[in-house]
Amino acid sequence: MSEVDEGFTPRVVDSLVDALVVIEDQGRVIYANPALGSLLGYRPEQLFDRPLTDFLPERSRHESLAV
């Protein structure tokens, strides 16, 4: 397998049309791609270090915590 430059993965992930979020074990957002920001109506940097549940509809919050 050939070595890939460090910028390759972020460029690919940032260009996805599907929303992608990475959360840490306490449920705080550590990465959100632009598609997720668009879906939720925020810039990705506005989501950083906030609980993902802050951006979910009330009816979905309990279900997301069970994952």
C-alpha atoms as a PDB file:
ATOM      1  CA  MET A   1       0.000   0.000   0.000  1.00  0.00           C
ATOM      2  CA  SER A   2       1.416   3.374  -0.927  1.00  0.00           C
ATOM      3  CA  GLU A   3       1.785   6.223   1.521  1.00  0.00           C
ATOM      4  CA  VAL A   4      -0.921   8.904   1.304  1.00  0.00           C
ATOM      5  CA  ASP A   5      -0.184  12.538   2.092  1.00  0.00           C
ATOM      6  CA  GLU A   6      -1.640  13.842   5.359  1.00  0.00           C
ATOM      7  CA  GLY A   7      -4.052  16.209   3.618  1.00  0.00           C
ATOM      8  CA  PHE A   8      -5.702  13.495   1.547  1.00  0.00           C
ATOM      9  CA  THR A   9      -8.087  12.136   4.192  1.00  0.00           C
ATOM     10  CA  PRO A  10      -9.415  15.529   5.333  1.00  0.00           C
ATOM     11  CA  ARG A  11      -9.955  16.599   1.716  1.00  0.00           C
ATOM     12  CA  VAL A  12     -11.887  13.419   0.936  1.00  0.00           C
ATOM     13  CA  VAL A  13     -13.971  13.545   4.113  1.00  0.00           C
ATOM     14  CA  ASP A  14     -14.712  17.248   3.726  1.00  0.00           C
ATOM     15  CA  SER A  15     -15.917  16.690   0.172  1.00  0.00           C
ATOM     16  CA  LEU A  16     -18.416  13.941   1.068  1.00  0.00           C
ATOM     17  CA  VAL A  17     -22.035  14.748   0.263  1.00  0.00           C
ATOM     18  CA  ASP A  18     -23.084  12.591   3.230  1.00  0.00           C
ATOM     19  CA  ALA A  19     -23.031  14.067   6.718  1.00  0.00           C
ATOM     20  CA  LEU A  20     -20.240  12.760   8.927  1.00  0.00           C
ATOM     21  CA  VAL A  21     -19.653  13.407  12.611  1.00  0.00           C
ATOM     22  CA  VAL A  22     -17.066  12.025  15.018  1.00  0.00           C
ATOM     23  CA  ILE A  23     -17.827  12.259  18.715  1.00  0.00           C
ATOM     24  CA  GLU A  24     -15.710  11.455  21.744  1.00  0.00           C
ATOM     25  CA  ASP A  25     -16.840   9.129  24.514  1.00  0.00           C
ATOM     26  CA  GLN A  26     -18.735  11.881  26.346  1.00  0.00           C
ATOM     27  CA  GLY A  27     -20.758  12.687  23.210  1.00  0.00           C
ATOM     28  CA  ARG A  28     -18.992  15.912  22.272  1.00  0.00           C
ATOM     29  CA  VAL A  29     -18.318  16.637  18.616  1.00  0.00           C
ATOM     30  CA  ILE A  30     -14.643  16.419  17.715  1.00  0.00           C
ATOM     31  CA  TYR A  31     -15.177  16.545  13.944  1.00  0.00           C
ATOM     32  CA  ALA A  32     -18.063  17.474  11.680  1.00  0.00           C
ATOM     33  CA  ASN A  33     -17.807  17.705   7.922  1.00  0.00           C
ATOM     34  CA  PRO A  34     -19.391  20.567   5.941  1.00  0.00           C
ATOM     35  CA  ALA A  35     -22.324  18.355   4.863  1.00  0.00           C
ATOM     36  CA  LEU A  36     -23.350  17.887   8.505  1.00  0.00           C
ATOM     37  CA  GLY A  37     -23.038  21.599   9.109  1.00  0.00           C
ATOM     38  CA  SER A  38     -25.309  22.300   6.146  1.00  0.00           C
ATOM     39  CA  LEU A  39     -27.820  19.690   7.276  1.00  0.00           C
ATOM     40  CA  LEU A  40     -28.022  21.193  10.764  1.00  0.00           C
ATOM     41  CA  GLY A  41     -27.717  24.839   9.715  1.00  0.00           C
ATOM     42  CA  TYR A  42     -24.335  25.484  11.343  1.00  0.00           C
ATOM     43  CA  ARG A  43     -20.759  25.872  10.213  1.00  0.00           C
ATOM     44  CA  PRO A  44     -18.714  22.787  11.214  1.00  0.00           C
ATOM     45  CA  GLU A  45     -16.572  24.816  13.618  1.00  0.00           C
ATOM     46  CA  GLN A  46     -19.735  25.868  15.496  1.00  0.00           C
ATOM     47  CA  LEU A  47     -20.419  22.202  16.301  1.00  0.00           C
ATOM     48  CA  PHE A  48     -16.961  21.497  17.712  1.00  0.00           C
ATOM     49  CA  ASP A  49     -16.756  20.550  21.395  1.00  0.00           C
ATOM     50  CA  ARG A  50     -20.520  20.700  21.894  1.00  0.00           C
ATOM     51  CA  PRO A  51     -22.706  17.712  22.756  1.00  0.00           C
ATOM     52  CA  LEU A  52     -24.174  16.151  19.630  1.00  0.00           C
ATOM     53  CA  THR A  53     -27.526  15.992  21.403  1.00  0.00           C
ATOM     54  CA  ASP A  54     -27.650  19.816  21.314  1.00  0.00           C
ATOM     55  CA  PHE A  55     -28.333  19.529  17.592  1.00  0.00           C
ATOM     56  CA  LEU A  56     -30.849  16.685  17.622  1.00  0.00           C
ATOM     57  CA  PRO A  57     -34.628  17.006  17.807  1.00  0.00           C
ATOM     58  CA  GLU A  58     -35.950  16.389  21.324  1.00  0.00           C
ATOM     59  CA  ARG A  59     -37.581  13.087  20.299  1.00  0.00           C
ATOM     60  CA  SER A  60     -34.231  11.731  19.019  1.00  0.00           C
ATOM     61  CA  ARG A  61     -32.045  12.672  21.981  1.00  0.00           C
ATOM     62  CA  HIS A  62     -32.853   9.670  24.162  1.00  0.00           C
ATOM     63  CA  GLU A  63     -32.313   7.227  21.286  1.00  0.00           C
ATOM     64  CA  SER A  64     -28.917   8.702  20.411  1.00  0.00           C
ATOM     65  CA  LEU A  65     -27.681   8.327  23.980  1.00  0.00           C
ATOM     66  CA  ALA A  66     -28.391   4.599  23.890  1.00  0.00           C
ATOM     67  CA  VAL A  67     -25.825   3.990  21.139  1.00  0.00           C
END
